[in-house]
Amino acid sequence: MGLSDATPSVASSGSLSPSATHRMALVLRTGLAAAAASLLIGLGLLVSAGGSLDLGSLAPLANRAAFDPRTVGSELWAGHGGGWLTLGLLLLVATPVARVSFGLYSFHAERDPLLTRAALVVLLLLLVGLFALGPLLR
């Protein structure tokens, strides 16, 4: 029994084509790799700017009043570690949303109403958590 035999498929009902399953996995791998790279760059920049990485060097990031997406680009351009960390976190949050959105599209295209509805519910829950509950918990 090889490794591929023991790995469960993404679509256990068999309704999703192998190419769609492959593309969904690619979305997750790409998002995770991009987020990890951004976080590592941000940590590296913080260490190089301060000489060491301690919790005190991350305090300015925690004390921000609110997230302002307009500042991320300027922080990235200026080479600030905080901008790279913010981008990495945004990518980490966006990756599951992108995967579920792609799943919704794929299930709808392959005419699977049960999985389409399930993906829609999951996507709505993710969006409610991000945009409605998240700001309330701040």
N, C-alpha and C. Protein backbone atom coordinates (compact mmCIF):
# COMPACT_ATOMS: atom_id res chain seq x y z
N MET A 1 0.85 -1.17 0.00
CA MET A 1 0.00 0.00 0.00
C MET A 1 0.90 1.23 0.00
N GLY A 2 0.81 2.04 -1.03
CA GLY A 2 1.62 3.24 -1.16
C GLY A 2 1.03 4.40 -0.40
N LEU A 3 1.76 5.48 -0.36
CA LEU A 3 1.31 6.67 0.35
C LEU A 3 0.04 7.23 -0.27
N SER A 4 -0.05 7.20 -1.59
CA SER A 4 -1.24 7.75 -2.24
C SER A 4 -2.47 6.92 -1.95
N ASP A 5 -2.30 5.63 -1.64
CA ASP A 5 -3.45 4.78 -1.31
C ASP A 5 -4.00 5.13 0.06
N ALA A 6 -3.15 5.59 0.97
CA ALA A 6 -3.57 5.89 2.32
C ALA A 6 -4.08 7.31 2.48
N THR A 7 -3.85 8.16 1.51
CA THR A 7 -4.27 9.55 1.61
C THR A 7 -5.73 9.67 1.21
N PRO A 8 -6.58 10.22 2.10
CA PRO A 8 -7.99 10.36 1.74
C PRO A 8 -8.16 11.43 0.68
N SER A 9 -9.15 11.25 -0.16
CA SER A 9 -9.41 12.24 -1.21
C SER A 9 -10.20 13.40 -0.63
N VAL A 10 -10.11 14.56 -1.27
CA VAL A 10 -10.83 15.74 -0.82
C VAL A 10 -12.33 15.53 -0.98
N ALA A 11 -12.75 14.93 -2.06
CA ALA A 11 -14.16 14.71 -2.33
C ALA A 11 -14.48 13.24 -2.11
N SER A 12 -14.97 12.90 -0.93
CA SER A 12 -15.22 11.51 -0.61
C SER A 12 -16.42 10.97 -1.38
N SER A 13 -17.31 11.84 -1.85
CA SER A 13 -18.46 11.36 -2.61
C SER A 13 -18.07 11.00 -4.04
N GLY A 14 -16.87 11.37 -4.47
CA GLY A 14 -16.44 11.04 -5.82
C GLY A 14 -17.02 11.95 -6.88
N SER A 15 -17.73 12.99 -6.47
CA SER A 15 -18.40 13.84 -7.45
C SER A 15 -17.49 14.92 -8.02
N LEU A 16 -16.36 15.15 -7.40
CA LEU A 16 -15.47 16.20 -7.87
C LEU A 16 -14.39 15.59 -8.75
N SER A 17 -14.15 16.22 -9.88
CA SER A 17 -13.16 15.70 -10.81
C SER A 17 -11.76 15.77 -10.20
N PRO A 18 -10.87 14.87 -10.61
CA PRO A 18 -9.50 14.90 -10.08
C PRO A 18 -8.79 16.23 -10.35
N SER A 19 -9.06 16.85 -11.48
CA SER A 19 -8.39 18.13 -11.76
C SER A 19 -8.87 19.23 -10.82
N ALA A 20 -10.16 19.22 -10.46
CA ALA A 20 -10.67 20.21 -9.52
C ALA A 20 -10.10 19.96 -8.13
N THR A 21 -9.99 18.70 -7.75
CA THR A 21 -9.39 18.34 -6.46
C THR A 21 -7.94 18.81 -6.42
N HIS A 22 -7.23 18.59 -7.51
CA HIS A 22 -5.83 19.02 -7.59
C HIS A 22 -5.73 20.54 -7.49
N ARG A 23 -6.61 21.27 -8.17
CA ARG A 23 -6.57 22.73 -8.12
C ARG A 23 -6.89 23.25 -6.72
N MET A 24 -7.82 22.58 -6.02
CA MET A 24 -8.14 22.99 -4.65
C MET A 24 -6.94 22.81 -3.74
N ALA A 25 -6.24 21.70 -3.89
CA ALA A 25 -5.04 21.47 -3.09
C ALA A 25 -3.97 22.49 -3.44
N LEU A 26 -3.88 22.85 -4.71
CA LEU A 26 -2.90 23.84 -5.14
C LEU A 26 -3.19 25.21 -4.52
N VAL A 27 -4.46 25.57 -4.40
CA VAL A 27 -4.84 26.82 -3.76
C VAL A 27 -4.34 26.85 -2.32
N LEU A 28 -4.54 25.75 -1.60
CA LEU A 28 -4.10 25.68 -0.21
C LEU A 28 -2.58 25.74 -0.09
N ARG A 29 -1.89 24.95 -0.92
CA ARG A 29 -0.42 24.93 -0.85
C ARG A 29 0.17 26.30 -1.21
N THR A 30 -0.36 26.92 -2.25
CA THR A 30 0.16 28.22 -2.68
C THR A 30 -0.09 29.29 -1.63
N GLY A 31 -1.29 29.31 -1.07
CA GLY A 31 -1.61 30.29 -0.03
C GLY A 31 -0.75 30.11 1.20
N LEU A 32 -0.56 28.86 1.62
CA LEU A 32 0.27 28.61 2.79
C LEU A 32 1.72 28.97 2.54
N ALA A 33 2.24 28.62 1.37
CA ALA A 33 3.63 28.94 1.05
C ALA A 33 3.84 30.46 0.98
N ALA A 34 2.91 31.17 0.37
CA ALA A 34 3.04 32.63 0.28
C ALA A 34 2.95 33.27 1.66
N ALA A 35 2.04 32.78 2.50
CA ALA A 35 1.91 33.32 3.85
C ALA A 35 3.16 33.03 4.67
N ALA A 36 3.67 31.82 4.58
CA ALA A 36 4.88 31.46 5.34
C ALA A 36 6.07 32.30 4.89
N ALA A 37 6.21 32.49 3.59
CA ALA A 37 7.32 33.30 3.08
C ALA A 37 7.20 34.74 3.57
N SER A 38 6.01 35.29 3.52
CA SER A 38 5.80 36.67 3.98
C SER A 38 6.09 36.82 5.47
N LEU A 39 5.63 35.85 6.27
CA LEU A 39 5.88 35.90 7.71
C LEU A 39 7.38 35.78 8.02
N LEU A 40 8.06 34.90 7.30
CA LEU A 40 9.50 34.74 7.52
C LEU A 40 10.27 36.00 7.12
N ILE A 41 9.87 36.61 6.02
CA ILE A 41 10.51 37.88 5.61
C ILE A 41 10.28 38.94 6.68
N GLY A 42 9.04 39.04 7.16
CA GLY A 42 8.73 40.03 8.19
C GLY A 42 9.52 39.80 9.47
N LEU A 43 9.61 38.55 9.91
CA LEU A 43 10.41 38.26 11.10
C LEU A 43 11.88 38.57 10.87
N GLY A 44 12.38 38.23 9.68
CA GLY A 44 13.77 38.53 9.36
C GLY A 44 14.05 40.02 9.38
N LEU A 45 13.13 40.80 8.83
CA LEU A 45 13.30 42.26 8.83
C LEU A 45 13.25 42.83 10.25
N LEU A 46 12.36 42.29 11.07
CA LEU A 46 12.30 42.77 12.45
C LEU A 46 13.59 42.43 13.21
N VAL A 47 14.12 41.24 13.00
CA VAL A 47 15.35 40.85 13.66
C VAL A 47 16.51 41.70 13.17
N SER A 48 16.59 41.93 11.86
CA SER A 48 17.70 42.72 11.33
C SER A 48 17.61 44.19 11.75
N ALA A 49 16.42 44.69 11.96
CA ALA A 49 16.26 46.09 12.37
C ALA A 49 16.58 46.29 13.85
N GLY A 50 16.23 45.28 14.66
CA GLY A 50 16.43 45.45 16.09
C GLY A 50 17.58 44.64 16.65
N GLY A 51 18.16 43.78 15.87
CA GLY A 51 19.26 42.96 16.35
C GLY A 51 18.82 41.68 17.02
N SER A 52 17.63 41.66 17.62
CA SER A 52 17.11 40.44 18.22
C SER A 52 15.59 40.49 18.15
N LEU A 53 15.00 39.34 18.27
CA LEU A 53 13.54 39.26 18.23
C LEU A 53 13.06 38.94 19.63
N ASP A 54 12.42 39.91 20.25
CA ASP A 54 11.80 39.67 21.53
C ASP A 54 10.36 40.18 21.45
N LEU A 55 9.59 39.90 22.46
CA LEU A 55 8.19 40.31 22.42
C LEU A 55 8.04 41.82 22.39
N GLY A 56 9.01 42.55 22.93
CA GLY A 56 8.95 44.00 22.90
C GLY A 56 9.01 44.56 21.49
N SER A 57 9.71 43.86 20.58
CA SER A 57 9.81 44.35 19.21
C SER A 57 8.50 44.18 18.45
N LEU A 58 7.63 43.31 18.95
CA LEU A 58 6.34 43.12 18.31
C LEU A 58 5.25 44.01 18.90
N ALA A 59 5.55 44.72 20.00
CA ALA A 59 4.55 45.56 20.66
C ALA A 59 3.95 46.62 19.75
N PRO A 60 4.73 47.30 18.88
CA PRO A 60 4.08 48.28 18.00
C PRO A 60 3.03 47.65 17.08
N LEU A 61 3.20 46.39 16.73
CA LEU A 61 2.21 45.73 15.88
C LEU A 61 0.93 45.47 16.65
N ALA A 62 1.05 45.10 17.92
CA ALA A 62 -0.12 44.80 18.73
C ALA A 62 -0.87 46.05 19.14
N ASN A 63 -0.18 47.19 19.20
CA ASN A 63 -0.81 48.42 19.67
C ASN A 63 -1.44 49.25 18.57
N ARG A 64 -1.50 48.73 17.36
CA ARG A 64 -2.14 49.49 16.29
C ARG A 64 -3.61 49.67 16.62
N ALA A 65 -4.12 50.85 16.33
CA ALA A 65 -5.52 51.15 16.65
C ALA A 65 -6.46 50.27 15.84
N ALA A 66 -6.24 50.14 14.57
CA ALA A 66 -7.09 49.33 13.71
C ALA A 66 -6.30 48.98 12.46
N PHE A 67 -6.73 47.95 11.80
CA PHE A 67 -6.08 47.54 10.57
C PHE A 67 -6.48 48.51 9.46
N ASP A 68 -5.49 49.04 8.79
CA ASP A 68 -5.72 49.94 7.66
C ASP A 68 -5.05 49.33 6.43
N PRO A 69 -5.83 48.78 5.50
CA PRO A 69 -5.23 48.11 4.34
C PRO A 69 -4.40 49.05 3.46
N ARG A 70 -4.65 50.35 3.55
CA ARG A 70 -3.88 51.30 2.73
C ARG A 70 -2.43 51.40 3.17
N THR A 71 -2.13 51.04 4.42
CA THR A 71 -0.77 51.17 4.91
C THR A 71 0.11 49.96 4.59
N VAL A 72 -0.50 48.83 4.25
CA VAL A 72 0.29 47.62 4.00
C VAL A 72 1.24 47.82 2.84
N GLY A 73 0.77 48.38 1.74
CA GLY A 73 1.62 48.60 0.58
C GLY A 73 2.80 49.51 0.88
N SER A 74 2.53 50.59 1.59
CA SER A 74 3.63 51.52 1.91
C SER A 74 4.62 50.88 2.87
N GLU A 75 4.15 50.07 3.81
CA GLU A 75 5.05 49.38 4.74
C GLU A 75 5.89 48.33 4.00
N LEU A 76 5.28 47.64 3.06
CA LEU A 76 6.04 46.66 2.26
C LEU A 76 7.11 47.37 1.44
N TRP A 77 6.73 48.46 0.80
CA TRP A 77 7.66 49.22 -0.05
C TRP A 77 8.82 49.77 0.76
N ALA A 78 8.52 50.19 2.00
CA ALA A 78 9.56 50.76 2.86
C ALA A 78 10.42 49.68 3.53
N GLY A 79 10.01 48.42 3.38
CA GLY A 79 10.80 47.33 3.97
C GLY A 79 10.57 47.14 5.45
N HIS A 80 9.42 47.55 5.95
CA HIS A 80 9.10 47.36 7.36
C HIS A 80 8.63 45.94 7.60
N GLY A 81 9.15 45.32 8.63
CA GLY A 81 8.76 43.95 8.96
C GLY A 81 7.29 43.82 9.29
N GLY A 82 6.72 44.84 9.90
CA GLY A 82 5.31 44.80 10.25
C GLY A 82 4.40 44.67 9.04
N GLY A 83 4.76 45.31 7.95
CA GLY A 83 3.97 45.19 6.72
C GLY A 83 3.99 43.77 6.19
N TRP A 84 5.17 43.14 6.24
CA TRP A 84 5.28 41.75 5.78
C TRP A 84 4.52 40.80 6.69
N LEU A 85 4.56 41.05 8.00
CA LEU A 85 3.79 40.22 8.92
C LEU A 85 2.29 40.37 8.67
N THR A 86 1.86 41.60 8.45
CA THR A 86 0.44 41.84 8.16
C THR A 86 0.02 41.13 6.88
N LEU A 87 0.86 41.22 5.84
CA LEU A 87 0.55 40.53 4.59
C LEU A 87 0.47 39.02 4.81
N GLY A 88 1.40 38.48 5.59
CA GLY A 88 1.36 37.05 5.87
C GLY A 88 0.10 36.62 6.58
N LEU A 89 -0.34 37.42 7.55
CA LEU A 89 -1.57 37.10 8.26
C LEU A 89 -2.79 37.23 7.35
N LEU A 90 -2.78 38.25 6.48
CA LEU A 90 -3.89 38.39 5.53
C LEU A 90 -3.95 37.19 4.59
N LEU A 91 -2.79 36.73 4.14
CA LEU A 91 -2.76 35.55 3.27
C LEU A 91 -3.23 34.30 4.01
N LEU A 92 -2.88 34.18 5.29
CA LEU A 92 -3.34 33.03 6.06
C LEU A 92 -4.86 33.03 6.21
N VAL A 93 -5.44 34.20 6.38
CA VAL A 93 -6.90 34.31 6.51
C VAL A 93 -7.57 34.11 5.15
N ALA A 94 -6.96 34.63 4.10
CA ALA A 94 -7.58 34.56 2.77
C ALA A 94 -7.50 33.16 2.16
N THR A 95 -6.54 32.35 2.57
CA THR A 95 -6.36 31.03 1.96
C THR A 95 -7.58 30.13 2.14
N PRO A 96 -8.11 29.94 3.35
CA PRO A 96 -9.30 29.10 3.45
C PRO A 96 -10.52 29.69 2.75
N VAL A 97 -10.62 31.02 2.74
CA VAL A 97 -11.74 31.65 2.04
C VAL A 97 -11.63 31.37 0.54
N ALA A 98 -10.43 31.45 0.00
CA ALA A 98 -10.23 31.16 -1.43
C ALA A 98 -10.51 29.69 -1.73
N ARG A 99 -10.09 28.80 -0.85
CA ARG A 99 -10.32 27.37 -1.07
C ARG A 99 -11.81 27.04 -1.04
N VAL A 100 -12.52 27.57 -0.07
CA VAL A 100 -13.97 27.32 0.01
C VAL A 100 -14.68 27.95 -1.17
N SER A 101 -14.27 29.14 -1.59
CA SER A 101 -14.87 29.78 -2.77
C SER A 101 -14.65 28.94 -4.02
N PHE A 102 -13.43 28.42 -4.17
CA PHE A 102 -13.15 27.56 -5.31
C PHE A 102 -13.96 26.28 -5.23
N GLY A 103 -14.11 25.73 -4.03
CA GLY A 103 -14.95 24.54 -3.86
C GLY A 103 -16.40 24.81 -4.23
N LEU A 104 -16.90 25.96 -3.81
CA LEU A 104 -18.27 26.34 -4.16
C LEU A 104 -18.44 26.39 -5.67
N TYR A 105 -17.50 27.04 -6.35
CA TYR A 105 -17.55 27.12 -7.81
C TYR A 105 -17.48 25.71 -8.43
N SER A 106 -16.56 24.89 -7.95
CA SER A 106 -16.38 23.56 -8.53
C SER A 106 -17.60 22.67 -8.32
N PHE A 107 -18.15 22.69 -7.11
CA PHE A 107 -19.32 21.87 -6.83
C PHE A 107 -20.52 22.34 -7.66
N HIS A 108 -20.65 23.65 -7.82
CA HIS A 108 -21.74 24.17 -8.65
C HIS A 108 -21.54 23.78 -10.12
N ALA A 109 -20.31 23.90 -10.61
CA ALA A 109 -20.03 23.56 -12.01
C ALA A 109 -20.26 22.08 -12.30
N GLU A 110 -20.03 21.25 -11.30
CA GLU A 110 -20.23 19.81 -11.49
C GLU A 110 -21.61 19.36 -11.04
N ARG A 111 -22.48 20.31 -10.79
CA ARG A 111 -23.88 20.08 -10.47
C ARG A 111 -24.09 19.13 -9.27
N ASP A 112 -23.44 19.47 -8.18
CA ASP A 112 -23.60 18.73 -6.94
C ASP A 112 -24.27 19.66 -5.93
N PRO A 113 -25.61 19.60 -5.85
CA PRO A 113 -26.33 20.58 -5.03
C PRO A 113 -26.02 20.47 -3.53
N LEU A 114 -25.82 19.27 -3.03
CA LEU A 114 -25.56 19.10 -1.60
C LEU A 114 -24.23 19.75 -1.21
N LEU A 115 -23.17 19.46 -1.94
CA LEU A 115 -21.87 20.04 -1.62
C LEU A 115 -21.82 21.53 -1.97
N THR A 116 -22.58 21.96 -2.97
CA THR A 116 -22.66 23.39 -3.27
C THR A 116 -23.26 24.14 -2.10
N ARG A 117 -24.35 23.61 -1.56
CA ARG A 117 -24.98 24.26 -0.40
C ARG A 117 -24.06 24.23 0.82
N ALA A 118 -23.39 23.11 1.03
CA ALA A 118 -22.48 23.01 2.18
C ALA A 118 -21.34 24.02 2.05
N ALA A 119 -20.77 24.14 0.86
CA ALA A 119 -19.69 25.10 0.64
C ALA A 119 -20.19 26.53 0.82
N LEU A 120 -21.41 26.80 0.38
CA LEU A 120 -21.98 28.14 0.54
C LEU A 120 -22.17 28.48 2.02
N VAL A 121 -22.66 27.52 2.80
CA VAL A 121 -22.83 27.75 4.24
C VAL A 121 -21.48 28.01 4.90
N VAL A 122 -20.48 27.21 4.56
CA VAL A 122 -19.14 27.39 5.14
C VAL A 122 -18.58 28.76 4.75
N LEU A 123 -18.73 29.15 3.49
CA LEU A 123 -18.24 30.45 3.04
C LEU A 123 -18.95 31.58 3.78
N LEU A 124 -20.26 31.48 3.94
CA LEU A 124 -20.99 32.52 4.66
C LEU A 124 -20.55 32.59 6.12
N LEU A 125 -20.30 31.45 6.75
CA LEU A 125 -19.82 31.45 8.13
C LEU A 125 -18.44 32.09 8.24
N LEU A 126 -17.57 31.79 7.30
CA LEU A 126 -16.24 32.41 7.29
C LEU A 126 -16.35 33.93 7.16
N LEU A 127 -17.19 34.38 6.24
CA LEU A 127 -17.33 35.82 6.00
C LEU A 127 -17.99 36.53 7.18
N VAL A 128 -18.98 35.89 7.80
CA VAL A 128 -19.60 36.48 9.00
C VAL A 128 -18.57 36.58 10.11
N GLY A 129 -17.76 35.54 10.27
CA GLY A 129 -16.72 35.57 11.30
C GLY A 129 -15.71 36.66 11.05
N LEU A 130 -15.34 36.84 9.80
CA LEU A 130 -14.32 37.85 9.47
C LEU A 130 -14.84 39.27 9.59
N PHE A 131 -16.01 39.51 9.03
CA PHE A 131 -16.47 40.89 8.88
C PHE A 131 -17.51 41.33 9.92
N ALA A 132 -18.18 40.40 10.56
CA ALA A 132 -19.18 40.79 11.56
C ALA A 132 -18.70 40.49 12.98
N LEU A 133 -18.28 39.27 13.24
CA LEU A 133 -17.86 38.90 14.59
C LEU A 133 -16.46 39.40 14.91
N GLY A 134 -15.56 39.37 13.94
CA GLY A 134 -14.20 39.82 14.18
C GLY A 134 -14.10 41.23 14.72
N PRO A 135 -14.75 42.20 14.07
CA PRO A 135 -14.71 43.57 14.60
C PRO A 135 -15.35 43.72 15.98
N LEU A 136 -16.35 42.89 16.28
CA LEU A 136 -17.00 42.97 17.60
C LEU A 136 -16.08 42.50 18.72
N LEU A 137 -15.18 41.58 18.41
CA LEU A 137 -14.28 41.02 19.42
C LEU A 137 -13.04 41.87 19.64
N ARG A 138 -12.85 42.88 18.86
CA ARG A 138 -11.67 43.73 18.96
C ARG A 138 -11.62 44.48 20.25
